[in-house]
PDB file of N, CA and C in Angstrom:
ATOM      1  N   MET A   1      -5.202 -12.756  -7.306  1.00  0.00           N
ATOM      2  CA  MET A   1      -5.728 -11.409  -7.330  1.00  0.00           C
ATOM      3  C   MET A   1      -6.552 -11.180  -8.597  1.00  0.00           C
ATOM      4  N   GLU A   2      -6.049 -11.639  -9.716  1.00  0.00           N
ATOM      5  CA  GLU A   2      -6.756 -11.403 -10.967  1.00  0.00           C
ATOM      6  C   GLU A   2      -8.157 -12.017 -10.927  1.00  0.00           C
ATOM      7  N   HIS A   3      -8.262 -13.189 -10.359  1.00  0.00           N
ATOM      8  CA  HIS A   3      -9.568 -13.844 -10.263  1.00  0.00           C
ATOM      9  C   HIS A   3     -10.522 -13.011  -9.396  1.00  0.00           C
ATOM     10  N   ASN A   4     -10.063 -12.531  -8.260  1.00  0.00           N
ATOM     11  CA  ASN A   4     -10.919 -11.757  -7.366  1.00  0.00           C
ATOM     12  C   ASN A   4     -11.329 -10.429  -7.980  1.00  0.00           C
ATOM     13  N   PHE A   5     -10.428  -9.797  -8.725  1.00  0.00           N
ATOM     14  CA  PHE A   5     -10.751  -8.499  -9.313  1.00  0.00           C
ATOM     15  C   PHE A   5     -11.761  -8.635 -10.442  1.00  0.00           C
ATOM     16  N   GLY A   6     -11.865  -9.828 -11.026  1.00  0.00           N
ATOM     17  CA  GLY A   6     -12.789 -10.028 -12.128  1.00  0.00           C
ATOM     18  C   GLY A   6     -14.204 -10.349 -11.684  1.00  0.00           C
ATOM     19  N   GLN A   7     -14.498 -10.326 -10.393  1.00  0.00           N
ATOM     20  CA  GLN A   7     -15.809 -10.722  -9.908  1.00  0.00           C
ATOM     21  C   GLN A   7     -16.813  -9.570  -9.840  1.00  0.00           C
ATOM     22  N   GLY A   8     -16.434  -8.396 -10.269  1.00  0.00           N
ATOM     23  CA  GLY A   8     -17.366  -7.276 -10.286  1.00  0.00           C
ATOM     24  C   GLY A   8     -17.407  -6.516  -8.974  1.00  0.00           C
ATOM     25  N   LYS A   9     -18.265  -5.520  -8.930  1.00  0.00           N
ATOM     26  CA  LYS A   9     -18.347  -4.616  -7.780  1.00  0.00           C
ATOM     27  C   LYS A   9     -18.806  -5.312  -6.498  1.00  0.00           C
ATOM     28  N   LYS A  10     -19.553  -6.381  -6.644  1.00  0.00           N
ATOM     29  CA  LYS A  10     -20.109  -7.067  -5.479  1.00  0.00           C
ATOM     30  C   LYS A  10     -19.004  -7.622  -4.573  1.00  0.00           C
ATOM     31  N   ARG A  11     -17.940  -8.145  -5.151  1.00  0.00           N
ATOM     32  CA  ARG A  11     -16.856  -8.744  -4.363  1.00  0.00           C
ATOM     33  C   ARG A  11     -15.615  -7.862  -4.302  1.00  0.00           C
ATOM     34  N   LEU A  12     -15.453  -6.944  -5.238  1.00  0.00           N
ATOM     35  CA  LEU A  12     -14.254  -6.122  -5.288  1.00  0.00           C
ATOM     36  C   LEU A  12     -14.162  -5.174  -4.103  1.00  0.00           C
ATOM     37  N   SER A  13     -15.246  -4.546  -3.745  1.00  0.00           N
ATOM     38  CA  SER A  13     -15.233  -3.582  -2.653  1.00  0.00           C
ATOM     39  C   SER A  13     -14.822  -4.212  -1.328  1.00  0.00           C
ATOM     40  N   PRO A  14     -15.405  -5.342  -0.921  1.00  0.00           N
ATOM     41  CA  PRO A  14     -14.947  -5.966   0.325  1.00  0.00           C
ATOM     42  C   PRO A  14     -13.493  -6.429   0.262  1.00  0.00           C
ATOM     43  N   LEU A  15     -13.059  -6.897  -0.899  1.00  0.00           N
ATOM     44  CA  LEU A  15     -11.681  -7.330  -1.053  1.00  0.00           C
ATOM     45  C   LEU A  15     -10.719  -6.164  -0.830  1.00  0.00           C
ATOM     46  N   LEU A  16     -10.993  -5.035  -1.472  1.00  0.00           N
ATOM     47  CA  LEU A  16     -10.120  -3.865  -1.334  1.00  0.00           C
ATOM     48  C   LEU A  16     -10.144  -3.328   0.093  1.00  0.00           C
ATOM     49  N   ALA A  17     -11.295  -3.337   0.723  1.00  0.00           N
ATOM     50  CA  ALA A  17     -11.388  -2.880   2.115  1.00  0.00           C
ATOM     51  C   ALA A  17     -10.571  -3.796   3.027  1.00  0.00           C
ATOM     52  N   THR A  18     -10.644  -5.095   2.801  1.00  0.00           N
ATOM     53  CA  THR A  18      -9.878  -6.048   3.601  1.00  0.00           C
ATOM     54  C   THR A  18      -8.380  -5.859   3.388  1.00  0.00           C
ATOM     55  N   MET A  19      -7.961  -5.686   2.162  1.00  0.00           N
ATOM     56  CA  MET A  19      -6.543  -5.467   1.876  1.00  0.00           C
ATOM     57  C   MET A  19      -6.046  -4.186   2.537  1.00  0.00           C
ATOM     58  N   ASN A  20      -6.851  -3.150   2.517  1.00  0.00           N
ATOM     59  CA  ASN A  20      -6.484  -1.884   3.141  1.00  0.00           C
ATOM     60  C   ASN A  20      -6.325  -2.044   4.651  1.00  0.00           C
ATOM     61  N   LEU A  21      -7.242  -2.762   5.279  1.00  0.00           N
ATOM     62  CA  LEU A  21      -7.149  -3.003   6.721  1.00  0.00           C
ATOM     63  C   LEU A  21      -5.925  -3.844   7.078  1.00  0.00           C
ATOM     64  N   LEU A  22      -5.636  -4.848   6.268  1.00  0.00           N
ATOM     65  CA  LEU A  22      -4.446  -5.670   6.506  1.00  0.00           C
ATOM     66  C   LEU A  22      -3.165  -4.838   6.392  1.00  0.00           C
ATOM     67  N   ALA A  23      -3.086  -4.002   5.376  1.00  0.00           N
ATOM     68  CA  ALA A  23      -1.908  -3.150   5.201  1.00  0.00           C
ATOM     69  C   ALA A  23      -1.731  -2.211   6.383  1.00  0.00           C
ATOM     70  N   CYS A  24      -2.804  -1.605   6.828  1.00  0.00           N
ATOM     71  CA  CYS A  24      -2.747  -0.699   7.972  1.00  0.00           C
ATOM     72  C   CYS A  24      -2.298  -1.447   9.227  1.00  0.00           C
ATOM     73  N   GLY A  25      -2.823  -2.635   9.435  1.00  0.00           N
ATOM     74  CA  GLY A  25      -2.443  -3.432  10.590  1.00  0.00           C
ATOM     75  C   GLY A  25      -0.980  -3.843  10.565  1.00  0.00           C
ATOM     76  N   LEU A  26      -0.489  -4.221   9.388  1.00  0.00           N
ATOM     77  CA  LEU A  26       0.914  -4.607   9.274  1.00  0.00           C
ATOM     78  C   LEU A  26       1.842  -3.420   9.518  1.00  0.00           C
ATOM     79  N   HIS A  27       1.505  -2.259   8.991  1.00  0.00           N
ATOM     80  CA  HIS A  27       2.311  -1.059   9.241  1.00  0.00           C
ATOM     81  C   HIS A  27       2.325  -0.729  10.731  1.00  0.00           C
ATOM     82  N   THR A  28       1.194  -0.835  11.373  1.00  0.00           N
ATOM     83  CA  THR A  28       1.109  -0.555  12.807  1.00  0.00           C
ATOM     84  C   THR A  28       1.931  -1.553  13.605  1.00  0.00           C
ATOM     85  N   LEU A  29       1.849  -2.821  13.244  1.00  0.00           N
ATOM     86  CA  LEU A  29       2.624  -3.849  13.929  1.00  0.00           C
ATOM     87  C   LEU A  29       4.124  -3.595  13.779  1.00  0.00           C
ATOM     88  N   ARG A  30       4.547  -3.262  12.576  1.00  0.00           N
ATOM     89  CA  ARG A  30       5.970  -2.951  12.360  1.00  0.00           C
ATOM     90  C   ARG A  30       6.390  -1.730  13.160  1.00  0.00           C
ATOM     91  N   GLU A  31       5.542  -0.737  13.220  1.00  0.00           N
ATOM     92  CA  GLU A  31       5.838   0.487  13.971  1.00  0.00           C
ATOM     93  C   GLU A  31       6.053   0.174  15.451  1.00  0.00           C
ATOM     94  N   ILE A  32       5.267  -0.743  15.994  1.00  0.00           N
ATOM     95  CA  ILE A  32       5.344  -1.083  17.415  1.00  0.00           C
ATOM     96  C   ILE A  32       6.551  -1.970  17.714  1.00  0.00           C
ATOM     97  N   THR A  33       6.831  -2.941  16.838  1.00  0.00           N
ATOM     98  CA  THR A  33       7.802  -3.984  17.180  1.00  0.00           C
ATOM     99  C   THR A  33       9.195  -3.811  16.589  1.00  0.00           C
ATOM    100  N   ASP A  34       9.356  -3.003  15.567  1.00  0.00           N
ATOM    101  CA  ASP A  34      10.628  -2.956  14.845  1.00  0.00           C
ATOM    102  C   ASP A  34      11.292  -1.582  14.970  1.00  0.00           C
ATOM    103  N   GLY A  35      12.399  -1.526  15.732  1.00  0.00           N
ATOM    104  CA  GLY A  35      13.115  -0.272  15.931  1.00  0.00           C
ATOM    105  C   GLY A  35      13.707   0.282  14.649  1.00  0.00           C
ATOM    106  N   ALA A  36      14.245  -0.603  13.786  1.00  0.00           N
ATOM    107  CA  ALA A  36      14.817  -0.154  12.515  1.00  0.00           C
ATOM    108  C   ALA A  36      13.736   0.469  11.630  1.00  0.00           C
ATOM    109  N   TYR A  37      12.559  -0.117  11.645  1.00  0.00           N
ATOM    110  CA  TYR A  37      11.449   0.425  10.863  1.00  0.00           C
ATOM    111  C   TYR A  37      11.073   1.822  11.359  1.00  0.00           C
ATOM    112  N   ARG A  38      11.043   1.999  12.694  1.00  0.00           N
ATOM    113  CA  ARG A  38      10.731   3.315  13.264  1.00  0.00           C
ATOM    114  C   ARG A  38      11.755   4.354  12.828  1.00  0.00           C
ATOM    115  N   LEU A  39      13.047   3.980  12.845  1.00  0.00           N
ATOM    116  CA  LEU A  39      14.089   4.909  12.405  1.00  0.00           C
ATOM    117  C   LEU A  39      13.924   5.267  10.928  1.00  0.00           C
ATOM    118  N   LEU A  40      13.635   4.268  10.118  1.00  0.00           N
ATOM    119  CA  LEU A  40      13.430   4.501   8.691  1.00  0.00           C
ATOM    120  C   LEU A  40      12.239   5.416   8.449  1.00  0.00           C
ATOM    121  N   ARG A  41      11.134   5.149   9.146  1.00  0.00           N
ATOM    122  CA  ARG A  41       9.940   5.993   8.985  1.00  0.00           C
ATOM    123  C   ARG A  41      10.233   7.429   9.417  1.00  0.00           C
ATOM    124  N   ALA A  42      11.017   7.613  10.483  1.00  0.00           N
ATOM    125  CA  ALA A  42      11.354   8.960  10.947  1.00  0.00           C
ATOM    126  C   ALA A  42      12.208   9.686   9.907  1.00  0.00           C
ATOM    127  N   LYS A  43      13.115   8.966   9.265  1.00  0.00           N
ATOM    128  CA  LYS A  43      13.984   9.586   8.269  1.00  0.00           C
ATOM    129  C   LYS A  43      13.234   9.913   6.981  1.00  0.00           C
ATOM    130  N   LEU A  44      12.362   9.012   6.550  1.00  0.00           N
ATOM    131  CA  LEU A  44      11.654   9.205   5.284  1.00  0.00           C
ATOM    132  C   LEU A  44      10.490  10.187   5.387  1.00  0.00           C
ATOM    133  N   GLY A  45       9.953  10.358   6.552  1.00  0.00           N
ATOM    134  CA  GLY A  45       8.817  11.264   6.707  1.00  0.00           C
ATOM    135  C   GLY A  45       7.501  10.565   6.429  1.00  0.00           C
ATOM    136  N   ALA A  46       6.544  11.339   5.986  1.00  0.00           N
ATOM    137  CA  ALA A  46       5.176  10.840   5.794  1.00  0.00           C
ATOM    138  C   ALA A  46       5.103   9.772   4.707  1.00  0.00           C
ATOM    139  N   ARG A  47       4.240   8.797   4.917  1.00  0.00           N
ATOM    140  CA  ARG A  47       4.016   7.769   3.895  1.00  0.00           C
ATOM    141  C   ARG A  47       3.422   8.379   2.633  1.00  0.00           C
ATOM    142  N   ARG A  48       2.714   9.460   2.801  1.00  0.00           N
ATOM    143  CA  ARG A  48       2.085  10.101   1.644  1.00  0.00           C
ATOM    144  C   ARG A  48       3.133  10.488   0.601  1.00  0.00           C
ATOM    145  N   THR A  49       4.301  10.965   1.070  1.00  0.00           N
ATOM    146  CA  THR A  49       5.371  11.337   0.155  1.00  0.00           C
ATOM    147  C   THR A  49       5.822  10.129  -0.652  1.00  0.00           C
ATOM    148  N   PHE A  50       6.001   8.988   0.011  1.00  0.00           N
ATOM    149  CA  PHE A  50       6.396   7.766  -0.679  1.00  0.00           C
ATOM    150  C   PHE A  50       5.383   7.402  -1.761  1.00  0.00           C
ATOM    151  N   PHE A  51       4.103   7.417  -1.410  1.00  0.00           N
ATOM    152  CA  PHE A  51       3.084   7.039  -2.382  1.00  0.00           C
ATOM    153  C   PHE A  51       2.943   8.078  -3.493  1.00  0.00           C
ATOM    154  N   ASP A  52       3.228   9.343  -3.208  1.00  0.00           N
ATOM    155  CA  ASP A  52       3.263  10.360  -4.264  1.00  0.00           C
ATOM    156  C   ASP A  52       4.368  10.042  -5.266  1.00  0.00           C
ATOM    157  N   HIS A  53       5.523   9.598  -4.775  1.00  0.00           N
ATOM    158  CA  HIS A  53       6.618   9.227  -5.674  1.00  0.00           C
ATOM    159  C   HIS A  53       6.252   8.016  -6.510  1.00  0.00           C
ATOM    160  N   ILE A  54       5.632   7.028  -5.901  1.00  0.00           N
ATOM    161  CA  ILE A  54       5.191   5.841  -6.654  1.00  0.00           C
ATOM    162  C   ILE A  54       4.175   6.238  -7.719  1.00  0.00           C
ATOM    163  N   ARG A  55       3.235   7.104  -7.362  1.00  0.00           N
ATOM    164  CA  ARG A  55       2.222   7.566  -8.309  1.00  0.00           C
ATOM    165  C   ARG A  55       2.875   8.281  -9.491  1.00  0.00           C
ATOM    166  N   THR A  56       3.860   9.109  -9.209  1.00  0.00           N
ATOM    167  CA  THR A  56       4.562   9.829 -10.273  1.00  0.00           C
ATOM    168  C   THR A  56       5.262   8.856 -11.215  1.00  0.00           C
ATOM    169  N   LEU A  57       5.934   7.854 -10.644  1.00  0.00           N
ATOM    170  CA  LEU A  57       6.625   6.861 -11.483  1.00  0.00           C
ATOM    171  C   LEU A  57       5.647   6.104 -12.360  1.00  0.00           C
ATOM    172  N   THR A  58       4.546   5.671 -11.802  1.00  0.00           N
ATOM    173  CA  THR A  58       3.620   4.841 -12.571  1.00  0.00           C
ATOM    174  C   THR A  58       2.831   5.636 -13.601  1.00  0.00           C
ATOM    175  N   THR A  59       2.725   6.940 -13.435  1.00  0.00           N
ATOM    176  CA  THR A  59       2.007   7.718 -14.454  1.00  0.00           C
ATOM    177  C   THR A  59       2.934   8.260 -15.526  1.00  0.00           C
ATOM    178  N   SER A  60       4.222   8.377 -15.214  1.00  0.00           N
ATOM    179  CA  SER A  60       5.127   8.971 -16.191  1.00  0.00           C
ATOM    180  C   SER A  60       5.936   7.937 -16.982  1.00  0.00           C
ATOM    181  N   LEU A  61       5.939   6.706 -16.537  1.00  0.00           N
ATOM    182  CA  LEU A  61       6.656   5.658 -17.245  1.00  0.00           C
ATOM    183  C   LEU A  61       5.681   4.777 -18.019  1.00  0.00           C
ATOM    184  N   ASP A  62       6.138   4.291 -19.149  1.00  0.00           N
ATOM    185  CA  ASP A  62       5.302   3.434 -19.980  1.00  0.00           C
ATOM    186  C   ASP A  62       5.667   1.978 -19.699  1.00  0.00           C
ATOM    187  N   PHE A  63       4.729   1.240 -19.098  1.00  0.00           N
ATOM    188  CA  PHE A  63       4.940  -0.169 -18.794  1.00  0.00           C
ATOM    189  C   PHE A  63       4.218  -1.013 -19.824  1.00  0.00           C
ATOM    190  N   GLU A  64       4.834  -2.130 -20.199  1.00  0.00           N
ATOM    191  CA  GLU A  64       4.222  -3.014 -21.187  1.00  0.00           C
ATOM    192  C   GLU A  64       2.992  -3.728 -20.639  1.00  0.00           C
ATOM    193  N   SER A  65       2.970  -3.986 -19.331  1.00  0.00           N
ATOM    194  CA  SER A  65       1.817  -4.691 -18.767  1.00  0.00           C
ATOM    195  C   SER A  65       1.370  -4.010 -17.495  1.00  0.00           C
TER     196      SER A  65
END
């Protein structure tokens, strides 16, 4: 990942778009095929809430790297 991110805007944008599409596809696949995942998603609610919590943790905690 570090190597790809260091290639500048020319390669970074397609890389991030590809990663986003892969993540969306994997979530969709899990939603279709995994009953436990569906139950967990129903209990936890929107993914946005999860990512809001992650964002809060990463902005309020001081990480060394």
